[in-house]
PDB file of N, CA and C in Angstrom:
ATOM      1  N   MET A   1      -4.017  19.510  14.319  1.00  0.00           N
ATOM      2  CA  MET A   1      -2.992  18.818  14.710  1.00  0.00           C
ATOM      3  C   MET A   1      -1.920  19.049  13.713  1.00  0.00           C
ATOM      4  N   ALA A   2      -0.771  19.380  14.272  1.00  0.00           N
ATOM      5  CA  ALA A   2       0.256  19.811  13.749  1.00  0.00           C
ATOM      6  C   ALA A   2       1.301  18.658  12.988  1.00  0.00           C
ATOM      7  N   ASP A   3       1.238  17.523  13.787  1.00  0.00           N
ATOM      8  CA  ASP A   3       1.997  16.306  13.444  1.00  0.00           C
ATOM      9  C   ASP A   3       1.150  15.376  12.573  1.00  0.00           C
ATOM     10  N   ARG A   4      -0.138  15.928  12.100  1.00  0.00           N
ATOM     11  CA  ARG A   4      -0.915  15.131  10.943  1.00  0.00           C
ATOM     12  C   ARG A   4      -0.330  15.559   9.731  1.00  0.00           C
ATOM     13  N   VAL A   5       0.200  14.409   8.970  1.00  0.00           N
ATOM     14  CA  VAL A   5       0.677  14.532   7.426  1.00  0.00           C
ATOM     15  C   VAL A   5      -0.318  13.978   6.644  1.00  0.00           C
ATOM     16  N   GLU A   6      -0.693  14.876   5.589  1.00  0.00           N
ATOM     17  CA  GLU A   6      -1.544  14.340   4.377  1.00  0.00           C
ATOM     18  C   GLU A   6      -0.661  13.941   3.295  1.00  0.00           C
ATOM     19  N   PHE A   7      -0.940  13.070   2.595  1.00  0.00           N
ATOM     20  CA  PHE A   7      -0.232  12.780   1.086  1.00  0.00           C
ATOM     21  C   PHE A   7      -0.952  12.886   0.162  1.00  0.00           C
ATOM     22  N   ALA A   8      -0.596  13.267  -0.878  1.00  0.00           N
ATOM     23  CA  ALA A   8      -1.321  13.514  -2.158  1.00  0.00           C
ATOM     24  C   ALA A   8      -1.290  11.862  -2.876  1.00  0.00           C
ATOM     25  N   ILE A   9      -2.496  11.449  -2.820  1.00  0.00           N
ATOM     26  CA  ILE A   9      -2.452  10.125  -3.600  1.00  0.00           C
ATOM     27  C   ILE A   9      -2.702  10.107  -4.991  1.00  0.00           C
ATOM     28  N   ASP A  10      -1.643   9.443  -5.682  1.00  0.00           N
ATOM     29  CA  ASP A  10      -1.836   9.283  -7.176  1.00  0.00           C
ATOM     30  C   ASP A  10      -2.719   8.397  -7.962  1.00  0.00           C
ATOM     31  N   GLU A  11      -2.861   7.201  -7.180  1.00  0.00           N
ATOM     32  CA  GLU A  11      -3.781   5.952  -7.488  1.00  0.00           C
ATOM     33  C   GLU A  11      -4.165   5.341  -6.302  1.00  0.00           C
ATOM     34  N   THR A  12      -5.408   4.550  -6.592  1.00  0.00           N
ATOM     35  CA  THR A  12      -5.611   3.824  -5.726  1.00  0.00           C
ATOM     36  C   THR A  12      -6.351   2.272  -6.017  1.00  0.00           C
ATOM     37  N   VAL A  13      -5.907   1.380  -5.280  1.00  0.00           N
ATOM     38  CA  VAL A  13      -6.426   0.006  -5.593  1.00  0.00           C
ATOM     39  C   VAL A  13      -7.100  -0.801  -4.414  1.00  0.00           C
ATOM     40  N   ASP A  14      -8.164  -1.421  -4.721  1.00  0.00           N
ATOM     41  CA  ASP A  14      -8.877  -2.140  -3.742  1.00  0.00           C
ATOM     42  C   ASP A  14      -8.534  -3.607  -3.966  1.00  0.00           C
ATOM     43  N   ILE A  15      -8.032  -4.118  -2.800  1.00  0.00           N
ATOM     44  CA  ILE A  15      -7.503  -5.955  -2.985  1.00  0.00           C
ATOM     45  C   ILE A  15      -8.187  -6.372  -1.781  1.00  0.00           C
ATOM     46  N   THR A  16      -9.372  -5.746  -1.366  1.00  0.00           N
ATOM     47  CA  THR A  16      -9.719  -6.331  -0.203  1.00  0.00           C
ATOM     48  C   THR A  16     -10.687  -8.037  -0.558  1.00  0.00           C
ATOM     49  N   ASP A  17     -11.028  -8.083  -1.833  1.00  0.00           N
ATOM     50  CA  ASP A  17     -11.473  -9.262  -2.186  1.00  0.00           C
ATOM     51  C   ASP A  17     -10.655 -10.238  -2.689  1.00  0.00           C
ATOM     52  N   VAL A  18      -9.397 -10.161  -2.559  1.00  0.00           N
ATOM     53  CA  VAL A  18      -8.217 -10.989  -3.069  1.00  0.00           C
ATOM     54  C   VAL A  18      -7.645 -11.577  -1.711  1.00  0.00           C
ATOM     55  N   VAL A  19      -7.124 -12.847  -1.722  1.00  0.00           N
ATOM     56  CA  VAL A  19      -6.486 -13.471  -0.750  1.00  0.00           C
ATOM     57  C   VAL A  19      -4.978 -13.673  -0.976  1.00  0.00           C
ATOM     58  N   CYS A  20      -3.956 -13.846   0.120  1.00  0.00           N
ATOM     59  CA  CYS A  20      -2.561 -13.845  -0.144  1.00  0.00           C
ATOM     60  C   CYS A  20      -2.334 -15.250  -0.801  1.00  0.00           C
ATOM     61  N   PRO A  21      -1.339 -15.267  -1.610  1.00  0.00           N
ATOM     62  CA  PRO A  21      -0.382 -14.480  -1.734  1.00  0.00           C
ATOM     63  C   PRO A  21      -0.643 -13.330  -2.977  1.00  0.00           C
ATOM     64  N   VAL A  22      -1.962 -13.526  -3.533  1.00  0.00           N
ATOM     65  CA  VAL A  22      -2.253 -12.783  -4.587  1.00  0.00           C
ATOM     66  C   VAL A  22      -2.294 -10.999  -4.391  1.00  0.00           C
ATOM     67  N   THR A  23      -2.526 -10.868  -2.997  1.00  0.00           N
ATOM     68  CA  THR A  23      -2.667  -9.565  -2.411  1.00  0.00           C
ATOM     69  C   THR A  23      -1.423  -8.717  -2.662  1.00  0.00           C
ATOM     70  N   PHE A  24      -0.452  -9.504  -2.575  1.00  0.00           N
ATOM     71  CA  PHE A  24       1.136  -8.654  -2.765  1.00  0.00           C
ATOM     72  C   PHE A  24       1.086  -8.521  -4.309  1.00  0.00           C
ATOM     73  N   VAL A  25       0.833  -9.480  -5.093  1.00  0.00           N
ATOM     74  CA  VAL A  25       1.025  -9.427  -6.397  1.00  0.00           C
ATOM     75  C   VAL A  25       0.367  -8.264  -7.176  1.00  0.00           C
ATOM     76  N   LYS A  26      -0.854  -8.264  -6.725  1.00  0.00           N
ATOM     77  CA  LYS A  26      -1.855  -6.851  -7.230  1.00  0.00           C
ATOM     78  C   LYS A  26      -1.271  -5.776  -6.808  1.00  0.00           C
ATOM     79  N   ALA A  27      -0.815  -5.386  -5.450  1.00  0.00           N
ATOM     80  CA  ALA A  27      -0.191  -4.361  -4.940  1.00  0.00           C
ATOM     81  C   ALA A  27       1.170  -3.925  -5.689  1.00  0.00           C
ATOM     82  N   LYS A  28       1.758  -4.820  -5.894  1.00  0.00           N
ATOM     83  CA  LYS A  28       2.949  -4.748  -6.699  1.00  0.00           C
ATOM     84  C   LYS A  28       2.780  -4.098  -8.209  1.00  0.00           C
ATOM     85  N   VAL A  29       1.761  -4.885  -8.753  1.00  0.00           N
ATOM     86  CA  VAL A  29       1.659  -4.674 -10.380  1.00  0.00           C
ATOM     87  C   VAL A  29       1.061  -3.257 -10.283  1.00  0.00           C
ATOM     88  N   ALA A  30       0.021  -2.709  -9.398  1.00  0.00           N
ATOM     89  CA  ALA A  30      -0.498  -1.360  -9.324  1.00  0.00           C
ATOM     90  C   ALA A  30       0.673  -0.571  -9.216  1.00  0.00           C
ATOM     91  N   LEU A  31       1.567  -0.880  -8.026  1.00  0.00           N
ATOM     92  CA  LEU A  31       2.848  -0.017  -7.841  1.00  0.00           C
ATOM     93  C   LEU A  31       3.676   0.346  -9.242  1.00  0.00           C
ATOM     94  N   GLU A  32       3.980  -0.704  -9.703  1.00  0.00           N
ATOM     95  CA  GLU A  32       4.843  -0.525 -10.912  1.00  0.00           C
ATOM     96  C   GLU A  32       4.221   0.202 -12.034  1.00  0.00           C
ATOM     97  N   GLU A  33       3.100   0.393 -11.942  1.00  0.00           N
ATOM     98  CA  GLU A  33       2.364   1.365 -13.007  1.00  0.00           C
ATOM     99  C   GLU A  33       2.492   2.884 -12.781  1.00  0.00           C
ATOM    100  N   LEU A  34       2.788   2.995 -11.648  1.00  0.00           N
ATOM    101  CA  LEU A  34       3.350   4.495 -11.140  1.00  0.00           C
ATOM    102  C   LEU A  34       4.614   4.943 -11.562  1.00  0.00           C
ATOM    103  N   ASP A  35       5.138   6.126 -11.390  1.00  0.00           N
ATOM    104  CA  ASP A  35       6.445   6.630 -11.665  1.00  0.00           C
ATOM    105  C   ASP A  35       7.108   6.732 -10.330  1.00  0.00           C
ATOM    106  N   ALA A  36       8.049   6.786 -10.209  1.00  0.00           N
ATOM    107  CA  ALA A  36       9.047   6.784  -8.886  1.00  0.00           C
ATOM    108  C   ALA A  36       8.652   8.035  -8.359  1.00  0.00           C
ATOM    109  N   GLY A  37       8.422   7.981  -7.022  1.00  0.00           N
ATOM    110  CA  GLY A  37       7.764   9.320  -6.204  1.00  0.00           C
ATOM    111  C   GLY A  37       6.282   9.285  -6.094  1.00  0.00           C
ATOM    112  N   GLN A  38       5.688   8.607  -6.818  1.00  0.00           N
ATOM    113  CA  GLN A  38       4.244   8.737  -6.687  1.00  0.00           C
ATOM    114  C   GLN A  38       3.834   7.805  -5.604  1.00  0.00           C
ATOM    115  N   ILE A  39       2.361   8.244  -5.080  1.00  0.00           N
ATOM    116  CA  ILE A  39       2.050   7.443  -3.890  1.00  0.00           C
ATOM    117  C   ILE A  39       0.889   6.589  -4.392  1.00  0.00           C
ATOM    118  N   LEU A  40       0.851   5.361  -3.947  1.00  0.00           N
ATOM    119  CA  LEU A  40      -0.579   4.516  -4.245  1.00  0.00           C
ATOM    120  C   LEU A  40      -0.905   4.187  -2.816  1.00  0.00           C
ATOM    121  N   ALA A  41      -2.451   4.144  -3.006  1.00  0.00           N
ATOM    122  CA  ALA A  41      -3.156   3.864  -1.683  1.00  0.00           C
ATOM    123  C   ALA A  41      -3.846   2.344  -1.912  1.00  0.00           C
ATOM    124  N   ILE A  42      -3.415   1.626  -1.204  1.00  0.00           N
ATOM    125  CA  ILE A  42      -3.986   0.307  -1.180  1.00  0.00           C
ATOM    126  C   ILE A  42      -5.102  -0.068   0.044  1.00  0.00           C
ATOM    127  N   ARG A  43      -6.221  -0.578  -0.592  1.00  0.00           N
ATOM    128  CA  ARG A  43      -7.162  -0.965   0.675  1.00  0.00           C
ATOM    129  C   ARG A  43      -7.066  -2.525   0.669  1.00  0.00           C
ATOM    130  N   LEU A  44      -6.941  -2.846   1.852  1.00  0.00           N
ATOM    131  CA  LEU A  44      -6.673  -4.345   2.037  1.00  0.00           C
ATOM    132  C   LEU A  44      -7.529  -4.504   3.329  1.00  0.00           C
ATOM    133  N   SER A  45      -7.577  -6.168   3.442  1.00  0.00           N
ATOM    134  CA  SER A  45      -8.467  -6.728   4.335  1.00  0.00           C
ATOM    135  C   SER A  45      -7.539  -6.931   5.944  1.00  0.00           C
ATOM    136  N   ASP A  46      -8.193  -6.860   6.912  1.00  0.00           N
ATOM    137  CA  ASP A  46      -7.346  -7.155   7.975  1.00  0.00           C
ATOM    138  C   ASP A  46      -6.890  -8.785   8.125  1.00  0.00           C
ATOM    139  N   GLY A  47      -5.914  -8.909   8.880  1.00  0.00           N
ATOM    140  CA  GLY A  47      -4.977 -10.569   8.744  1.00  0.00           C
ATOM    141  C   GLY A  47      -3.934 -10.393   8.195  1.00  0.00           C
ATOM    142  N   GLU A  48      -3.584 -11.563   7.353  1.00  0.00           N
ATOM    143  CA  GLU A  48      -2.325 -11.546   6.540  1.00  0.00           C
ATOM    144  C   GLU A  48      -2.244 -10.567   5.712  1.00  0.00           C
ATOM    145  N   PRO A  49      -2.962  -9.894   4.744  1.00  0.00           N
ATOM    146  CA  PRO A  49      -2.767  -8.481   3.933  1.00  0.00           C
ATOM    147  C   PRO A  49      -2.058  -7.829   4.759  1.00  0.00           C
ATOM    148  N   VAL A  50      -2.404  -7.433   5.732  1.00  0.00           N
ATOM    149  CA  VAL A  50      -2.102  -6.286   6.586  1.00  0.00           C
ATOM    150  C   VAL A  50      -0.622  -6.452   6.991  1.00  0.00           C
ATOM    151  N   VAL A  51      -0.302  -7.751   7.318  1.00  0.00           N
ATOM    152  CA  VAL A  51       0.919  -7.942   7.938  1.00  0.00           C
ATOM    153  C   VAL A  51       1.965  -7.928   6.592  1.00  0.00           C
ATOM    154  N   ASN A  52       1.710  -9.121   5.570  1.00  0.00           N
ATOM    155  CA  ASN A  52       2.577  -9.394   4.541  1.00  0.00           C
ATOM    156  C   ASN A  52       2.822  -8.176   3.250  1.00  0.00           C
ATOM    157  N   VAL A  53       1.661  -7.472   2.928  1.00  0.00           N
ATOM    158  CA  VAL A  53       1.881  -6.694   1.881  1.00  0.00           C
ATOM    159  C   VAL A  53       2.720  -5.474   2.362  1.00  0.00           C
ATOM    160  N   PRO A  54       2.610  -4.678   3.434  1.00  0.00           N
ATOM    161  CA  PRO A  54       3.446  -3.685   3.632  1.00  0.00           C
ATOM    162  C   PRO A  54       4.987  -4.270   3.762  1.00  0.00           C
ATOM    163  N   ARG A  55       5.139  -5.255   4.438  1.00  0.00           N
ATOM    164  CA  ARG A  55       6.526  -5.837   4.741  1.00  0.00           C
ATOM    165  C   ARG A  55       7.130  -6.537   3.459  1.00  0.00           C
ATOM    166  N   SER A  56       6.313  -6.830   2.445  1.00  0.00           N
ATOM    167  CA  SER A  56       6.692  -7.215   1.075  1.00  0.00           C
ATOM    168  C   SER A  56       7.129  -6.098   0.354  1.00  0.00           C
ATOM    169  N   LEU A  57       6.343  -5.064   0.272  1.00  0.00           N
ATOM    170  CA  LEU A  57       6.605  -3.989  -0.546  1.00  0.00           C
ATOM    171  C   LEU A  57       7.944  -3.233   0.069  1.00  0.00           C
ATOM    172  N   LYS A  58       7.894  -3.137   1.370  1.00  0.00           N
ATOM    173  CA  LYS A  58       9.129  -2.465   1.811  1.00  0.00           C
ATOM    174  C   LYS A  58      10.429  -3.356   1.579  1.00  0.00           C
ATOM    175  N   ASP A  59      10.380  -4.655   1.563  1.00  0.00           N
ATOM    176  CA  ASP A  59      11.425  -5.485   1.172  1.00  0.00           C
ATOM    177  C   ASP A  59      11.671  -5.071  -0.307  1.00  0.00           C
ATOM    178  N   GLU A  60      10.919  -4.845  -1.144  1.00  0.00           N
ATOM    179  CA  GLU A  60      10.975  -4.520  -2.641  1.00  0.00           C
ATOM    180  C   GLU A  60      11.701  -3.027  -2.797  1.00  0.00           C
ATOM    181  N   GLY A  61      11.985  -2.485  -1.701  1.00  0.00           N
ATOM    182  CA  GLY A  61      12.545  -1.038  -1.769  1.00  0.00           C
ATOM    183  C   GLY A  61      11.534   0.076  -1.588  1.00  0.00           C
ATOM    184  N   HIS A  62      10.281  -0.259  -1.592  1.00  0.00           N
ATOM    185  CA  HIS A  62       9.506   0.979  -1.678  1.00  0.00           C
ATOM    186  C   HIS A  62       9.279   1.413  -0.293  1.00  0.00           C
ATOM    187  N   GLN A  63       8.796   2.708   0.006  1.00  0.00           N
ATOM    188  CA  GLN A  63       8.604   3.377   1.359  1.00  0.00           C
ATOM    189  C   GLN A  63       7.110   3.329   1.550  1.00  0.00           C
ATOM    190  N   VAL A  64       6.954   2.624   2.950  1.00  0.00           N
ATOM    191  CA  VAL A  64       5.560   2.446   3.363  1.00  0.00           C
ATOM    192  C   VAL A  64       5.443   3.721   4.277  1.00  0.00           C
ATOM    193  N   LEU A  65       4.572   4.524   3.819  1.00  0.00           N
ATOM    194  CA  LEU A  65       4.290   6.017   4.407  1.00  0.00           C
ATOM    195  C   LEU A  65       3.272   5.921   5.568  1.00  0.00           C
ATOM    196  N   LYS A  66       2.256   4.874   5.442  1.00  0.00           N
ATOM    197  CA  LYS A  66       1.107   4.915   6.657  1.00  0.00           C
ATOM    198  C   LYS A  66       0.096   3.978   6.248  1.00  0.00           C
ATOM    199  N   LEU A  67      -0.318   3.363   7.583  1.00  0.00           N
ATOM    200  CA  LEU A  67      -1.246   2.092   7.624  1.00  0.00           C
ATOM    201  C   LEU A  67      -2.238   2.649   8.409  1.00  0.00           C
ATOM    202  N   ALA A  68      -3.644   2.735   7.909  1.00  0.00           N
ATOM    203  CA  ALA A  68      -4.688   3.540   8.686  1.00  0.00           C
ATOM    204  C   ALA A  68      -5.764   2.537   8.707  1.00  0.00           C
ATOM    205  N   ASP A  69      -6.276   2.431   9.924  1.00  0.00           N
ATOM    206  CA  ASP A  69      -7.391   1.344  10.252  1.00  0.00           C
ATOM    207  C   ASP A  69      -8.284   2.056   9.663  1.00  0.00           C
ATOM    208  N   ASN A  70      -9.351   1.516   8.910  1.00  0.00           N
ATOM    209  CA  ASN A  70     -10.558   2.297   8.275  1.00  0.00           C
ATOM    210  C   ASN A  70     -11.839   1.685   9.403  1.00  0.00           C
ATOM    211  N   CYS A  71     -11.587   0.831  10.243  1.00  0.00           N
ATOM    212  CA  CYS A  71     -12.451   0.687  11.489  1.00  0.00           C
ATOM    213  C   CYS A  71     -13.655  -0.488  10.614  1.00  0.00           C
ATOM    214  N   ASP A  72     -13.573  -0.768   9.799  1.00  0.00           N
ATOM    215  CA  ASP A  72     -14.507  -1.641   8.934  1.00  0.00           C
ATOM    216  C   ASP A  72     -14.035  -2.967   8.510  1.00  0.00           C
ATOM    217  N   GLY A  73     -12.920  -3.376   9.243  1.00  0.00           N
ATOM    218  CA  GLY A  73     -12.327  -4.756   9.022  1.00  0.00           C
ATOM    219  C   GLY A  73     -11.110  -4.723   7.678  1.00  0.00           C
ATOM    220  N   THR A  74     -11.031  -3.126   7.168  1.00  0.00           N
ATOM    221  CA  THR A  74     -10.100  -2.931   6.315  1.00  0.00           C
ATOM    222  C   THR A  74      -8.969  -1.987   6.639  1.00  0.00           C
ATOM    223  N   TYR A  75      -8.109  -1.906   6.088  1.00  0.00           N
ATOM    224  CA  TYR A  75      -7.076  -0.934   6.054  1.00  0.00           C
ATOM    225  C   TYR A  75      -6.567  -0.063   5.075  1.00  0.00           C
ATOM    226  N   THR A  76      -6.183   0.810   4.883  1.00  0.00           N
ATOM    227  CA  THR A  76      -5.560   1.716   3.804  1.00  0.00           C
ATOM    228  C   THR A  76      -4.159   1.767   3.909  1.00  0.00           C
ATOM    229  N   LEU A  77      -3.374   1.223   3.127  1.00  0.00           N
ATOM    230  CA  LEU A  77      -1.738   1.188   3.132  1.00  0.00           C
ATOM    231  C   LEU A  77      -1.411   2.303   2.115  1.00  0.00           C
ATOM    232  N   LEU A  78      -0.614   3.386   2.219  1.00  0.00           N
ATOM    233  CA  LEU A  78       0.008   4.149   1.528  1.00  0.00           C
ATOM    234  C   LEU A  78       1.417   3.966   1.353  1.00  0.00           C
ATOM    235  N   VAL A  79       1.864   3.747   0.046  1.00  0.00           N
ATOM    236  CA  VAL A  79       3.036   3.405  -0.214  1.00  0.00           C
ATOM    237  C   VAL A  79       3.698   4.300  -1.341  1.00  0.00           C
ATOM    238  N   ARG A  80       4.958   4.840  -1.240  1.00  0.00           N
ATOM    239  CA  ARG A  80       5.352   5.483  -2.284  1.00  0.00           C
ATOM    240  C   ARG A  80       6.562   4.562  -3.214  1.00  0.00           C
ATOM    241  N   ARG A  81       6.475   4.893  -4.455  1.00  0.00           N
ATOM    242  CA  ARG A  81       7.130   4.101  -5.344  1.00  0.00           C
ATOM    243  C   ARG A  81       8.626   4.519  -5.101  1.00  0.00           C
ATOM    244  N   MET A  82       9.691   3.676  -4.869  1.00  0.00           N
ATOM    245  CA  MET A  82      10.836   4.328  -5.224  1.00  0.00           C
ATOM    246  C   MET A  82      11.549   3.655  -6.492  1.00  0.00           C
ATOM    247  N   GLU A  83      12.748   4.297  -6.874  1.00  0.00           N
ATOM    248  CA  GLU A  83      13.557   3.995  -7.998  1.00  0.00           C
ATOM    249  C   GLU A  83      13.851   2.619  -8.024  1.00  0.00           C
ATOM    250  N   GLU A  84      13.964   1.931  -9.161  1.00  0.00           N
ATOM    251  CA  GLU A  84      14.544   0.616  -9.047  1.00  0.00           C
ATOM    252  C   GLU A  84      16.034   0.710  -9.239  1.00  0.00           C
ATOM    253  N   ASP A  85      16.404  -0.491  -8.755  1.00  0.00           N
ATOM    254  CA  ASP A  85      18.073  -0.520  -8.879  1.00  0.00           C
ATOM    255  C   ASP A  85      18.493  -0.417 -10.194  1.00  0.00           C
TER     256      ASP A  85
END
């Protein structure tokens, strides 16, 4: 498929065992350890984390690239760290 885009993942974090609002905190800390332009893959649980984490990271100015359903009750969120103001 020509429209399928693959991303080079720089780091991965699994926060499926964490509950909101700690999910966002863990994702943010992991993202802050990367350099601008690098991509973090975040594995998170269905429900609040899938809604809140992407929104919160986008509000922080980062680029949400993809949210993929892993078909097991979890999702993988790809986020590119952007430069801080």
